[in-house]
């Protein structure tokens, strides 16, 4: 009996079908839906990853690791992380060494700690690490601190999200700002307009992400 749905997160094809049977006034946030009749608001990961990687390479980093997370849908299918795909594509195009330093677990602080501890144990660290979320980056930062490895003196670290905690870490975390609040606000407004106007055309909106430079990345070109 709902008039509209704002769907936040990742959903299986069966769930999307069920939601659409409940109402035509629907929008999906933070998840692309191929159906051209469904409105979505997603983040511009392409520009976000390129901006972050351009920044690291401008600082002279050519060995860059990636700590990612994995999300599974209700039907147990793995939802592909565009950040990982775009990261590897960028590295391949720009001759960045990344393969020995790519790990994936979950989008949690604990996983960030475990993945970073694994890289430290191997004894061959890159000059920079990109984490696919701030919680992962914060866990990685703790693992580095526990092992006496200084950020950014010994290794640079970049997160993704720009959560409140990222500006209170030591050092403050360089990260990509994801406009989550705006996504929710726009989603609510769009659903309201769908209810009022019943437009025939769905909206596919991508929100830009901005690089937030703090103190966790080192300029190697200045050495």
N, C-alpha and C. Protein backbone atom coordinates (compact mmCIF):
# COMPACT_ATOMS: atom_id res chain seq x y z
N UNK A 1 0.82 -1.22 0.00
CA UNK A 1 0.00 0.00 0.00
C UNK A 1 0.85 1.27 0.00
N UNK A 2 2.15 1.12 -0.28
CA UNK A 2 3.01 2.31 -0.27
C UNK A 2 2.77 3.15 -1.53
N UNK A 3 2.93 4.47 -1.40
CA UNK A 3 2.81 5.36 -2.55
C UNK A 3 4.10 5.44 -3.34
N UNK A 4 5.24 5.30 -2.65
CA UNK A 4 6.53 5.43 -3.31
C UNK A 4 7.60 4.68 -2.52
N UNK A 5 8.71 4.39 -3.21
CA UNK A 5 9.83 3.71 -2.57
C UNK A 5 11.13 4.41 -2.91
N UNK A 6 11.94 4.65 -1.90
CA UNK A 6 13.33 5.07 -2.08
C UNK A 6 14.18 3.88 -1.63
N UNK A 7 14.88 3.26 -2.56
CA UNK A 7 15.64 2.03 -2.29
C UNK A 7 17.12 2.36 -2.17
N UNK A 8 17.67 2.18 -0.99
CA UNK A 8 19.06 2.52 -0.72
C UNK A 8 19.87 1.26 -0.55
N UNK A 9 20.92 1.11 -1.35
CA UNK A 9 21.79 -0.05 -1.21
C UNK A 9 21.80 -0.90 -2.46
N UNK A 10 22.15 -2.17 -2.28
CA UNK A 10 22.29 -3.09 -3.41
C UNK A 10 21.21 -4.18 -3.31
N UNK A 11 20.57 -4.47 -4.45
CA UNK A 11 19.45 -5.40 -4.47
C UNK A 11 19.58 -6.37 -5.64
N UNK A 12 19.08 -7.58 -5.43
CA UNK A 12 19.09 -8.59 -6.48
C UNK A 12 18.01 -8.28 -7.52
N UNK A 13 18.10 -8.94 -8.67
CA UNK A 13 17.11 -8.73 -9.72
C UNK A 13 15.70 -9.08 -9.24
N UNK A 14 15.59 -10.12 -8.43
CA UNK A 14 14.29 -10.54 -7.91
C UNK A 14 13.72 -9.47 -6.98
N UNK A 15 14.58 -8.87 -6.16
CA UNK A 15 14.13 -7.82 -5.26
C UNK A 15 13.68 -6.58 -6.04
N UNK A 16 14.43 -6.22 -7.07
CA UNK A 16 14.06 -5.07 -7.90
C UNK A 16 12.69 -5.30 -8.53
N UNK A 17 12.47 -6.51 -9.04
CA UNK A 17 11.19 -6.86 -9.66
C UNK A 17 10.05 -6.74 -8.64
N UNK A 18 10.30 -7.23 -7.43
CA UNK A 18 9.27 -7.19 -6.38
C UNK A 18 8.94 -5.75 -5.99
N UNK A 19 9.98 -4.92 -5.86
CA UNK A 19 9.75 -3.52 -5.50
C UNK A 19 8.91 -2.82 -6.57
N UNK A 20 9.20 -3.10 -7.82
CA UNK A 20 8.48 -2.44 -8.91
C UNK A 20 7.02 -2.89 -8.98
N UNK A 21 6.76 -4.08 -8.48
CA UNK A 21 5.38 -4.55 -8.44
C UNK A 21 4.59 -3.82 -7.36
N UNK A 22 5.27 -3.28 -6.37
CA UNK A 22 4.61 -2.55 -5.29
C UNK A 22 4.19 -1.15 -5.72
N UNK A 23 5.05 -0.50 -6.52
CA UNK A 23 4.76 0.87 -6.96
C UNK A 23 5.63 1.23 -8.15
N UNK A 24 5.11 2.11 -9.01
CA UNK A 24 5.90 2.65 -10.11
C UNK A 24 6.68 3.90 -9.71
N UNK A 25 6.33 4.45 -8.56
CA UNK A 25 7.04 5.63 -8.05
C UNK A 25 8.21 5.14 -7.21
N UNK A 26 9.33 4.95 -7.87
CA UNK A 26 10.45 4.30 -7.21
C UNK A 26 11.76 4.89 -7.72
N UNK A 27 12.74 4.96 -6.82
CA UNK A 27 14.08 5.40 -7.21
C UNK A 27 15.11 4.59 -6.44
N UNK A 28 16.18 4.23 -7.11
CA UNK A 28 17.27 3.48 -6.48
C UNK A 28 18.46 4.40 -6.27
N UNK A 29 18.99 4.40 -5.04
CA UNK A 29 20.14 5.22 -4.70
C UNK A 29 21.37 4.35 -4.50
N UNK A 30 22.47 4.76 -5.12
CA UNK A 30 23.75 4.08 -4.97
C UNK A 30 23.76 2.69 -5.63
N UNK A 31 22.88 2.50 -6.61
CA UNK A 31 22.87 1.23 -7.35
C UNK A 31 22.35 1.48 -8.76
N UNK A 32 23.17 1.18 -9.78
CA UNK A 32 22.68 1.33 -11.15
C UNK A 32 21.66 0.25 -11.49
N UNK A 33 20.61 0.62 -12.19
CA UNK A 33 19.60 -0.33 -12.67
C UNK A 33 19.50 -0.14 -14.18
N UNK A 34 19.72 -1.20 -14.94
CA UNK A 34 19.79 -1.09 -16.39
C UNK A 34 18.46 -0.68 -17.01
N UNK A 35 17.36 -1.06 -16.38
CA UNK A 35 16.03 -0.74 -16.91
C UNK A 35 15.89 0.77 -17.09
N UNK A 36 15.67 1.20 -18.33
CA UNK A 36 15.60 2.63 -18.63
C UNK A 36 14.34 3.30 -18.09
N UNK A 37 13.40 2.52 -17.59
CA UNK A 37 12.17 3.09 -17.04
C UNK A 37 12.27 3.33 -15.54
N UNK A 38 13.42 3.00 -14.94
CA UNK A 38 13.62 3.14 -13.50
C UNK A 38 14.60 4.28 -13.22
N UNK A 39 14.23 5.18 -12.33
CA UNK A 39 15.11 6.30 -11.96
C UNK A 39 16.18 5.85 -10.97
N UNK A 40 17.39 6.37 -11.15
CA UNK A 40 18.50 6.03 -10.26
C UNK A 40 19.36 7.25 -10.00
N UNK A 41 19.98 7.27 -8.83
CA UNK A 41 21.03 8.25 -8.53
C UNK A 41 22.25 7.46 -8.08
N UNK A 42 23.35 7.62 -8.80
CA UNK A 42 24.58 6.91 -8.47
C UNK A 42 25.74 7.90 -8.39
N UNK A 43 26.88 7.41 -7.95
CA UNK A 43 28.08 8.24 -7.87
C UNK A 43 28.88 8.09 -9.15
N UNK A 44 29.56 9.16 -9.54
CA UNK A 44 30.41 9.13 -10.73
C UNK A 44 31.76 8.52 -10.33
N UNK A 45 31.79 7.19 -10.24
CA UNK A 45 33.00 6.49 -9.83
C UNK A 45 34.15 6.71 -10.81
N UNK A 46 33.82 6.81 -12.09
CA UNK A 46 34.85 6.97 -13.12
C UNK A 46 35.69 8.22 -12.83
N UNK A 47 35.01 9.35 -12.65
CA UNK A 47 35.72 10.59 -12.37
C UNK A 47 36.39 10.55 -11.00
N UNK A 48 35.73 9.92 -10.03
CA UNK A 48 36.27 9.85 -8.67
C UNK A 48 37.59 9.10 -8.63
N UNK A 49 37.61 7.91 -9.24
CA UNK A 49 38.83 7.09 -9.23
C UNK A 49 39.94 7.78 -10.02
N UNK A 50 39.60 8.34 -11.16
CA UNK A 50 40.60 9.04 -11.98
C UNK A 50 41.20 10.22 -11.22
N UNK A 51 40.36 10.98 -10.52
CA UNK A 51 40.85 12.12 -9.76
C UNK A 51 41.82 11.68 -8.67
N UNK A 52 41.44 10.63 -7.94
CA UNK A 52 42.30 10.12 -6.87
C UNK A 52 43.62 9.58 -7.40
N UNK A 53 43.54 8.82 -8.48
CA UNK A 53 44.76 8.22 -9.05
C UNK A 53 45.64 9.27 -9.72
N UNK A 54 45.03 10.25 -10.36
CA UNK A 54 45.81 11.34 -10.94
C UNK A 54 46.60 12.07 -9.85
N UNK A 55 45.97 12.24 -8.70
CA UNK A 55 46.63 12.91 -7.59
C UNK A 55 47.84 12.11 -7.11
N UNK A 56 47.66 10.80 -6.92
CA UNK A 56 48.76 9.97 -6.43
C UNK A 56 49.90 9.91 -7.44
N UNK A 57 49.57 9.77 -8.71
CA UNK A 57 50.63 9.70 -9.73
C UNK A 57 51.34 11.06 -9.86
N UNK A 58 50.61 12.15 -9.65
CA UNK A 58 51.25 13.47 -9.69
C UNK A 58 52.25 13.64 -8.55
N UNK A 59 52.06 12.86 -7.48
CA UNK A 59 52.98 12.87 -6.35
C UNK A 59 54.14 11.91 -6.55
N UNK A 60 54.16 11.22 -7.69
CA UNK A 60 55.27 10.34 -8.02
C UNK A 60 55.09 8.88 -7.66
N UNK A 61 53.88 8.47 -7.30
CA UNK A 61 53.64 7.07 -6.93
C UNK A 61 53.41 6.21 -8.17
N UNK A 62 54.18 5.13 -8.26
CA UNK A 62 54.05 4.20 -9.39
C UNK A 62 53.79 2.76 -8.92
N UNK A 63 53.83 2.53 -7.62
CA UNK A 63 53.45 1.23 -7.03
C UNK A 63 52.32 1.52 -6.04
N UNK A 64 51.11 1.16 -6.44
CA UNK A 64 49.92 1.54 -5.66
C UNK A 64 49.06 0.31 -5.38
N UNK A 65 48.74 0.09 -4.12
CA UNK A 65 47.90 -1.04 -3.73
C UNK A 65 46.43 -0.65 -3.62
N UNK A 66 45.59 -1.67 -3.54
CA UNK A 66 44.15 -1.46 -3.44
C UNK A 66 43.57 -2.42 -2.41
N UNK A 67 42.89 -1.88 -1.41
CA UNK A 67 42.19 -2.69 -0.41
C UNK A 67 40.70 -2.51 -0.64
N UNK A 68 40.04 -3.57 -1.10
CA UNK A 68 38.63 -3.46 -1.49
C UNK A 68 37.71 -4.25 -0.58
N UNK A 69 36.43 -4.05 -0.81
CA UNK A 69 35.40 -4.78 -0.08
C UNK A 69 34.49 -5.51 -1.05
N UNK A 70 33.83 -6.53 -0.56
CA UNK A 70 32.91 -7.31 -1.38
C UNK A 70 31.51 -7.27 -0.78
N UNK A 71 30.52 -7.05 -1.64
CA UNK A 71 29.12 -7.02 -1.23
C UNK A 71 28.36 -8.13 -1.95
N UNK A 72 27.58 -8.89 -1.20
CA UNK A 72 26.78 -9.97 -1.79
C UNK A 72 25.31 -9.61 -1.70
N UNK A 73 24.59 -9.89 -2.77
CA UNK A 73 23.16 -9.62 -2.83
C UNK A 73 22.37 -10.71 -2.12
N UNK A 74 21.06 -10.54 -2.02
CA UNK A 74 20.21 -11.53 -1.34
C UNK A 74 20.27 -12.89 -2.01
N UNK A 75 20.52 -12.90 -3.34
CA UNK A 75 20.62 -14.18 -4.05
C UNK A 75 22.05 -14.73 -4.05
N UNK A 76 22.89 -14.15 -3.19
CA UNK A 76 24.29 -14.58 -2.98
C UNK A 76 25.22 -14.28 -4.15
N UNK A 77 24.76 -13.48 -5.09
CA UNK A 77 25.63 -13.06 -6.16
C UNK A 77 26.51 -11.90 -5.68
N UNK A 78 27.76 -11.91 -6.14
CA UNK A 78 28.69 -10.85 -5.78
C UNK A 78 28.39 -9.60 -6.60
N UNK A 79 28.18 -8.47 -5.91
CA UNK A 79 27.93 -7.22 -6.63
C UNK A 79 29.28 -6.60 -6.98
N UNK A 80 29.56 -6.38 -8.27
CA UNK A 80 30.88 -5.89 -8.68
C UNK A 80 31.15 -4.48 -8.18
N UNK A 81 32.34 -4.26 -7.65
CA UNK A 81 32.74 -2.94 -7.16
C UNK A 81 33.39 -2.17 -8.31
N UNK A 82 32.74 -1.10 -8.76
CA UNK A 82 33.27 -0.31 -9.87
C UNK A 82 34.60 0.34 -9.51
N UNK A 83 34.82 0.62 -8.23
CA UNK A 83 36.08 1.25 -7.84
C UNK A 83 37.26 0.34 -8.16
N UNK A 84 37.12 -0.95 -7.88
CA UNK A 84 38.19 -1.89 -8.19
C UNK A 84 38.41 -1.98 -9.70
N UNK A 85 37.33 -2.11 -10.44
CA UNK A 85 37.43 -2.23 -11.90
C UNK A 85 38.12 -1.01 -12.50
N UNK A 86 37.73 0.18 -12.06
CA UNK A 86 38.30 1.40 -12.61
C UNK A 86 39.73 1.61 -12.14
N UNK A 87 40.03 1.17 -10.92
CA UNK A 87 41.40 1.25 -10.40
C UNK A 87 42.35 0.40 -11.25
N UNK A 88 41.97 -0.85 -11.48
CA UNK A 88 42.84 -1.75 -12.27
C UNK A 88 42.99 -1.25 -13.70
N UNK A 89 41.90 -0.72 -14.27
CA UNK A 89 41.95 -0.18 -15.63
C UNK A 89 42.92 1.00 -15.70
N UNK A 90 42.87 1.87 -14.70
CA UNK A 90 43.77 3.03 -14.67
C UNK A 90 45.22 2.56 -14.55
N UNK A 91 45.47 1.62 -13.66
CA UNK A 91 46.84 1.13 -13.45
C UNK A 91 47.41 0.50 -14.71
N UNK A 92 46.59 -0.28 -15.40
CA UNK A 92 47.05 -0.93 -16.63
C UNK A 92 47.37 0.10 -17.71
N UNK A 93 46.55 1.14 -17.78
CA UNK A 93 46.74 2.18 -18.80
C UNK A 93 47.98 3.02 -18.53
N UNK A 94 48.30 3.23 -17.24
CA UNK A 94 49.40 4.13 -16.88
C UNK A 94 50.62 3.39 -16.34
N UNK A 95 50.69 2.08 -16.57
CA UNK A 95 51.86 1.28 -16.16
C UNK A 95 52.16 1.39 -14.67
N UNK A 96 51.10 1.34 -13.87
CA UNK A 96 51.23 1.34 -12.41
C UNK A 96 51.31 -0.10 -11.92
N UNK A 97 52.28 -0.41 -11.08
CA UNK A 97 52.38 -1.75 -10.48
C UNK A 97 51.36 -1.86 -9.36
N UNK A 98 50.43 -2.81 -9.51
CA UNK A 98 49.35 -2.93 -8.52
C UNK A 98 49.01 -4.37 -8.15
N UNK A 99 49.25 -5.31 -9.04
CA UNK A 99 48.76 -6.69 -8.85
C UNK A 99 49.23 -7.35 -7.56
N UNK A 100 50.50 -7.15 -7.13
CA UNK A 100 50.91 -7.80 -5.86
C UNK A 100 50.26 -7.18 -4.63
N UNK A 101 49.60 -6.05 -4.80
CA UNK A 101 49.09 -5.29 -3.66
C UNK A 101 47.57 -5.14 -3.69
N UNK A 102 46.87 -6.05 -4.33
CA UNK A 102 45.41 -5.95 -4.44
C UNK A 102 44.76 -7.03 -3.59
N UNK A 103 43.98 -6.60 -2.59
CA UNK A 103 43.29 -7.53 -1.69
C UNK A 103 41.84 -7.10 -1.52
N UNK A 104 40.96 -8.08 -1.27
CA UNK A 104 39.55 -7.79 -1.03
C UNK A 104 39.02 -8.64 0.11
N UNK A 105 38.26 -8.02 0.99
CA UNK A 105 37.53 -8.74 2.04
C UNK A 105 36.14 -8.13 2.19
N UNK A 106 35.93 -7.39 3.27
CA UNK A 106 34.64 -6.75 3.52
C UNK A 106 34.84 -5.25 3.70
N UNK A 107 33.72 -4.52 3.66
CA UNK A 107 33.78 -3.07 3.85
C UNK A 107 33.76 -2.73 5.34
N UNK A 108 34.76 -3.21 6.08
CA UNK A 108 34.80 -2.98 7.52
C UNK A 108 36.20 -2.55 7.96
N UNK A 109 36.26 -1.93 9.12
CA UNK A 109 37.55 -1.53 9.69
C UNK A 109 38.40 -2.76 9.97
N UNK A 110 37.76 -3.82 10.48
CA UNK A 110 38.48 -5.05 10.78
C UNK A 110 39.14 -5.64 9.53
N UNK A 111 38.40 -5.64 8.42
CA UNK A 111 38.97 -6.17 7.18
C UNK A 111 40.13 -5.30 6.70
N UNK A 112 39.99 -3.98 6.86
CA UNK A 112 41.08 -3.10 6.48
C UNK A 112 42.35 -3.42 7.27
N UNK A 113 42.17 -3.69 8.56
CA UNK A 113 43.32 -4.05 9.41
C UNK A 113 43.94 -5.36 8.94
N UNK A 114 43.10 -6.36 8.71
CA UNK A 114 43.59 -7.68 8.31
C UNK A 114 44.30 -7.65 6.96
N UNK A 115 43.73 -6.93 6.00
CA UNK A 115 44.35 -6.87 4.67
C UNK A 115 45.69 -6.15 4.73
N UNK A 116 45.74 -5.06 5.48
CA UNK A 116 47.00 -4.33 5.59
C UNK A 116 48.04 -5.15 6.32
N UNK A 117 47.62 -5.88 7.36
CA UNK A 117 48.54 -6.75 8.09
C UNK A 117 49.11 -7.83 7.17
N UNK A 118 48.27 -8.33 6.26
CA UNK A 118 48.73 -9.34 5.30
C UNK A 118 49.80 -8.76 4.38
N UNK A 119 49.57 -7.56 3.88
CA UNK A 119 50.57 -6.92 3.01
C UNK A 119 51.88 -6.68 3.75
N UNK A 120 51.78 -6.25 5.00
CA UNK A 120 52.97 -6.00 5.82
C UNK A 120 53.74 -7.31 6.02
N UNK A 121 53.00 -8.38 6.27
CA UNK A 121 53.61 -9.69 6.50
C UNK A 121 54.40 -10.16 5.28
N UNK A 122 53.93 -9.82 4.09
CA UNK A 122 54.61 -10.23 2.86
C UNK A 122 55.96 -9.55 2.69
N UNK A 123 56.14 -8.40 3.35
CA UNK A 123 57.43 -7.74 3.33
C UNK A 123 57.72 -6.89 2.11
N UNK A 124 56.70 -6.62 1.29
CA UNK A 124 56.89 -5.80 0.09
C UNK A 124 55.70 -4.86 -0.05
N UNK A 125 55.88 -3.65 0.45
CA UNK A 125 54.78 -2.68 0.43
C UNK A 125 54.90 -1.74 -0.76
N UNK A 126 53.76 -1.30 -1.30
CA UNK A 126 53.78 -0.25 -2.32
C UNK A 126 54.07 1.09 -1.67
N UNK A 127 54.17 2.14 -2.46
CA UNK A 127 54.39 3.47 -1.87
C UNK A 127 53.08 4.12 -1.48
N UNK A 128 51.95 3.59 -2.00
CA UNK A 128 50.64 4.17 -1.68
C UNK A 128 49.58 3.08 -1.67
N UNK A 129 48.55 3.30 -0.88
CA UNK A 129 47.41 2.39 -0.79
C UNK A 129 46.13 3.18 -1.03
N UNK A 130 45.27 2.64 -1.89
CA UNK A 130 43.92 3.18 -2.07
C UNK A 130 42.93 2.21 -1.44
N UNK A 131 42.10 2.70 -0.55
CA UNK A 131 41.06 1.87 0.08
C UNK A 131 39.71 2.25 -0.52
N UNK A 132 38.85 1.26 -0.72
CA UNK A 132 37.56 1.53 -1.36
C UNK A 132 36.53 2.09 -0.38
N UNK A 133 36.90 2.27 0.88
CA UNK A 133 36.03 2.95 1.84
C UNK A 133 36.89 3.51 2.97
N UNK A 134 36.39 4.51 3.65
CA UNK A 134 37.12 5.07 4.80
C UNK A 134 37.29 4.06 5.94
N UNK A 135 36.25 3.26 6.28
CA UNK A 135 36.48 2.26 7.32
C UNK A 135 37.64 1.31 7.01
N UNK A 136 37.75 0.88 5.75
CA UNK A 136 38.89 0.03 5.36
C UNK A 136 40.20 0.79 5.55
N UNK A 137 40.23 2.05 5.12
CA UNK A 137 41.44 2.86 5.25
C UNK A 137 41.83 3.06 6.71
N UNK A 138 40.84 3.28 7.57
CA UNK A 138 41.11 3.50 9.00
C UNK A 138 41.66 2.22 9.64
N UNK A 139 41.12 1.07 9.24
CA UNK A 139 41.68 -0.20 9.73
C UNK A 139 43.10 -0.40 9.26
N UNK A 140 43.36 -0.05 8.00
CA UNK A 140 44.72 -0.17 7.45
C UNK A 140 45.69 0.75 8.17
N UNK A 141 45.22 1.96 8.50
CA UNK A 141 46.06 2.92 9.22
C UNK A 141 46.45 2.38 10.59
N UNK A 142 45.51 1.73 11.25
CA UNK A 142 45.82 1.15 12.57
C UNK A 142 46.85 0.04 12.45
N UNK A 143 46.73 -0.80 11.42
CA UNK A 143 47.69 -1.89 11.21
C UNK A 143 49.08 -1.33 10.94
N UNK A 144 49.14 -0.28 10.15
CA UNK A 144 50.44 0.35 9.86
C UNK A 144 51.04 0.93 11.14
N UNK A 145 50.23 1.62 11.93
CA UNK A 145 50.72 2.19 13.20
C UNK A 145 51.21 1.11 14.15
N UNK A 146 50.47 0.01 14.22
CA UNK A 146 50.84 -1.08 15.11
C UNK A 146 52.17 -1.74 14.72
N UNK A 147 52.52 -1.58 13.46
CA UNK A 147 53.77 -2.19 12.97
C UNK A 147 54.88 -1.15 12.77
N UNK A 148 54.69 0.03 13.31
CA UNK A 148 55.72 1.04 13.26
C UNK A 148 55.96 1.64 11.89
N UNK A 149 54.98 1.54 11.01
CA UNK A 149 55.09 2.09 9.66
C UNK A 149 54.32 3.41 9.62
N UNK A 150 55.02 4.48 9.32
CA UNK A 150 54.44 5.82 9.42
C UNK A 150 53.75 6.25 8.13
N UNK A 151 52.56 6.85 8.32
CA UNK A 151 51.81 7.46 7.23
C UNK A 151 51.89 8.98 7.43
N UNK A 152 52.33 9.75 6.42
CA UNK A 152 52.66 9.32 5.06
C UNK A 152 54.15 9.12 4.81
N UNK A 153 54.99 9.21 5.85
CA UNK A 153 56.45 9.15 5.64
C UNK A 153 56.89 7.86 4.95
N UNK A 154 56.33 6.72 5.39
CA UNK A 154 56.72 5.43 4.83
C UNK A 154 55.78 4.94 3.74
N UNK A 155 54.52 5.32 3.82
CA UNK A 155 53.52 4.90 2.84
C UNK A 155 52.36 5.89 2.85
N UNK A 156 51.81 6.16 1.68
CA UNK A 156 50.65 7.06 1.57
C UNK A 156 49.36 6.25 1.61
N UNK A 157 48.28 6.90 2.05
CA UNK A 157 47.01 6.20 2.22
C UNK A 157 45.86 7.11 1.82
N UNK A 158 44.94 6.56 0.99
CA UNK A 158 43.77 7.32 0.54
C UNK A 158 42.51 6.50 0.77
N UNK A 159 41.47 7.14 1.29
CA UNK A 159 40.19 6.47 1.52
C UNK A 159 39.15 6.85 0.48
N UNK A 160 37.92 6.47 0.78
CA UNK A 160 36.79 6.81 -0.09
C UNK A 160 35.53 6.90 0.76
N UNK A 161 34.84 8.02 0.68
CA UNK A 161 33.56 8.31 1.36
C UNK A 161 33.60 9.68 1.99
N UNK A 162 34.72 9.99 2.69
CA UNK A 162 34.84 11.21 3.48
C UNK A 162 33.87 11.17 4.64
N UNK A 163 33.92 10.09 5.42
CA UNK A 163 33.13 9.99 6.64
C UNK A 163 33.67 10.98 7.68
N UNK A 164 32.88 11.24 8.71
CA UNK A 164 33.27 12.20 9.74
C UNK A 164 34.60 11.82 10.39
N UNK A 165 34.83 10.53 10.59
CA UNK A 165 36.05 10.08 11.27
C UNK A 165 37.31 10.34 10.47
N UNK A 166 37.18 10.45 9.15
CA UNK A 166 38.39 10.55 8.31
C UNK A 166 39.19 11.83 8.59
N UNK A 167 38.55 12.87 9.10
CA UNK A 167 39.27 14.10 9.40
C UNK A 167 39.86 14.09 10.82
N UNK A 168 39.56 13.03 11.60
CA UNK A 168 40.04 12.96 12.98
C UNK A 168 41.08 11.86 13.18
N UNK A 169 41.46 11.17 12.12
CA UNK A 169 42.52 10.17 12.25
C UNK A 169 43.86 10.88 12.38
N UNK A 170 44.89 10.13 12.69
CA UNK A 170 46.23 10.70 12.80
C UNK A 170 47.18 9.93 11.89
N UNK A 171 47.55 10.52 10.76
CA UNK A 171 47.21 11.86 10.28
C UNK A 171 45.79 11.88 9.70
N UNK A 172 45.21 13.07 9.51
CA UNK A 172 43.91 13.16 8.85
C UNK A 172 43.98 12.53 7.46
N UNK A 173 42.91 11.82 7.11
CA UNK A 173 42.92 10.96 5.92
C UNK A 173 42.53 11.71 4.64
N UNK A 174 43.41 11.64 3.65
CA UNK A 174 43.03 12.08 2.30
C UNK A 174 42.01 11.09 1.76
N UNK A 175 40.92 11.59 1.18
CA UNK A 175 39.84 10.70 0.77
C UNK A 175 39.03 11.32 -0.36
N UNK A 176 38.13 10.54 -0.92
CA UNK A 176 37.21 11.02 -1.94
C UNK A 176 35.86 11.27 -1.27
N UNK A 177 35.38 12.49 -1.39
CA UNK A 177 34.09 12.83 -0.77
C UNK A 177 32.94 12.29 -1.62
N UNK A 178 32.13 11.41 -1.04
CA UNK A 178 30.93 10.88 -1.70
C UNK A 178 29.71 11.60 -1.11
N UNK A 179 28.95 12.31 -1.92
CA UNK A 179 27.84 13.13 -1.41
C UNK A 179 26.61 12.30 -1.04
N UNK A 180 26.74 11.50 0.01
CA UNK A 180 25.66 10.59 0.42
C UNK A 180 24.42 11.35 0.87
N UNK A 181 24.62 12.45 1.63
CA UNK A 181 23.47 13.23 2.11
C UNK A 181 22.69 13.81 0.93
N UNK A 182 23.43 14.36 -0.03
CA UNK A 182 22.77 14.94 -1.21
C UNK A 182 22.01 13.87 -1.99
N UNK A 183 22.60 12.68 -2.07
CA UNK A 183 21.94 11.59 -2.78
C UNK A 183 20.58 11.28 -2.15
N UNK A 184 20.53 11.22 -0.83
CA UNK A 184 19.27 10.95 -0.15
C UNK A 184 18.27 12.09 -0.32
N UNK A 185 18.76 13.32 -0.21
CA UNK A 185 17.89 14.48 -0.36
C UNK A 185 17.31 14.56 -1.77
N UNK A 186 18.15 14.38 -2.78
CA UNK A 186 17.67 14.41 -4.17
C UNK A 186 16.69 13.27 -4.42
N UNK A 187 16.98 12.11 -3.86
CA UNK A 187 16.11 10.95 -4.05
C UNK A 187 14.71 11.20 -3.53
N UNK A 188 14.62 11.78 -2.33
CA UNK A 188 13.31 12.08 -1.74
C UNK A 188 12.56 13.10 -2.59
N UNK A 189 13.27 14.11 -3.06
CA UNK A 189 12.63 15.14 -3.89
C UNK A 189 12.15 14.59 -5.22
N UNK A 190 12.95 13.72 -5.82
CA UNK A 190 12.57 13.15 -7.12
C UNK A 190 11.35 12.25 -6.98
N UNK A 191 11.31 11.43 -5.93
CA UNK A 191 10.15 10.58 -5.71
C UNK A 191 8.90 11.43 -5.50
N UNK A 192 9.04 12.53 -4.77
CA UNK A 192 7.90 13.44 -4.55
C UNK A 192 7.38 13.99 -5.88
N UNK A 193 8.30 14.36 -6.77
CA UNK A 193 7.90 14.88 -8.08
C UNK A 193 7.32 13.80 -8.98
N UNK A 194 7.82 12.57 -8.85
CA UNK A 194 7.24 11.46 -9.60
C UNK A 194 5.77 11.28 -9.20
N UNK A 195 5.51 11.37 -7.90
CA UNK A 195 4.13 11.22 -7.40
C UNK A 195 3.23 12.34 -7.92
N UNK A 196 3.77 13.54 -8.00
CA UNK A 196 2.97 14.70 -8.43
C UNK A 196 2.75 14.74 -9.94
N UNK A 197 3.83 14.47 -10.69
CA UNK A 197 3.80 14.72 -12.12
C UNK A 197 3.68 13.47 -12.98
N UNK A 198 4.04 12.31 -12.42
CA UNK A 198 4.03 11.05 -13.18
C UNK A 198 4.73 11.20 -14.53
N UNK A 199 6.02 11.59 -14.52
CA UNK A 199 6.72 11.78 -15.78
C UNK A 199 6.89 10.45 -16.53
N UNK A 200 6.89 10.54 -17.85
CA UNK A 200 7.04 9.33 -18.66
C UNK A 200 8.48 8.89 -18.76
N UNK A 201 9.41 9.80 -18.49
CA UNK A 201 10.84 9.52 -18.64
C UNK A 201 11.50 9.37 -17.28
N UNK A 202 12.24 8.29 -17.11
CA UNK A 202 12.98 8.09 -15.87
C UNK A 202 14.26 8.93 -15.88
N UNK A 203 14.81 9.16 -14.71
CA UNK A 203 16.03 9.95 -14.59
C UNK A 203 17.19 9.06 -14.19
N UNK A 204 18.33 9.23 -14.87
CA UNK A 204 19.58 8.55 -14.53
C UNK A 204 20.58 9.64 -14.16
N UNK A 205 20.81 9.80 -12.87
CA UNK A 205 21.61 10.91 -12.37
C UNK A 205 22.91 10.37 -11.76
N UNK A 206 24.03 11.01 -12.12
CA UNK A 206 25.32 10.70 -11.51
C UNK A 206 25.81 11.92 -10.75
N UNK A 207 26.17 11.73 -9.49
CA UNK A 207 26.67 12.83 -8.67
C UNK A 207 28.20 12.81 -8.66
N UNK A 208 28.83 13.97 -8.80
CA UNK A 208 30.30 14.02 -8.79
C UNK A 208 30.85 13.82 -7.38
N UNK A 209 32.04 13.24 -7.32
CA UNK A 209 32.77 13.06 -6.06
C UNK A 209 34.02 13.94 -6.10
N UNK A 210 34.39 14.50 -4.97
CA UNK A 210 35.51 15.43 -4.92
C UNK A 210 36.65 14.88 -4.06
N UNK A 211 37.87 15.14 -4.49
CA UNK A 211 39.04 14.75 -3.72
C UNK A 211 39.21 15.71 -2.54
N UNK A 212 39.38 15.14 -1.35
CA UNK A 212 39.63 15.94 -0.15
C UNK A 212 41.08 15.67 0.29
N UNK A 213 41.94 16.66 0.08
CA UNK A 213 43.36 16.49 0.39
C UNK A 213 43.62 16.82 1.86
N UNK A 214 44.15 15.83 2.56
CA UNK A 214 44.55 16.06 3.95
C UNK A 214 46.03 15.70 4.10
N UNK A 215 46.41 14.98 5.14
CA UNK A 215 47.85 14.80 5.39
C UNK A 215 48.34 13.36 5.29
N UNK A 216 47.60 12.47 4.58
CA UNK A 216 48.03 11.07 4.57
C UNK A 216 48.72 10.64 3.28
N UNK A 217 49.02 11.60 2.40
CA UNK A 217 49.69 11.27 1.14
C UNK A 217 50.97 12.10 1.02
N UNK A 218 52.07 11.44 0.61
CA UNK A 218 53.39 12.08 0.54
C UNK A 218 53.77 12.36 -0.91
N UNK A 219 54.39 13.51 -1.12
CA UNK A 219 54.89 13.89 -2.45
C UNK A 219 56.29 13.31 -2.62
N UNK A 220 56.41 12.28 -3.45
CA UNK A 220 57.70 11.64 -3.68
C UNK A 220 58.58 12.45 -4.64
N UNK A 221 57.96 13.33 -5.41
CA UNK A 221 58.73 14.12 -6.38
C UNK A 221 59.59 15.19 -5.69
N UNK A 222 59.26 15.47 -4.42
CA UNK A 222 59.99 16.51 -3.69
C UNK A 222 61.25 15.95 -3.02
N UNK A 223 61.43 14.63 -3.11
CA UNK A 223 62.59 14.01 -2.43
C UNK A 223 63.87 14.31 -3.19
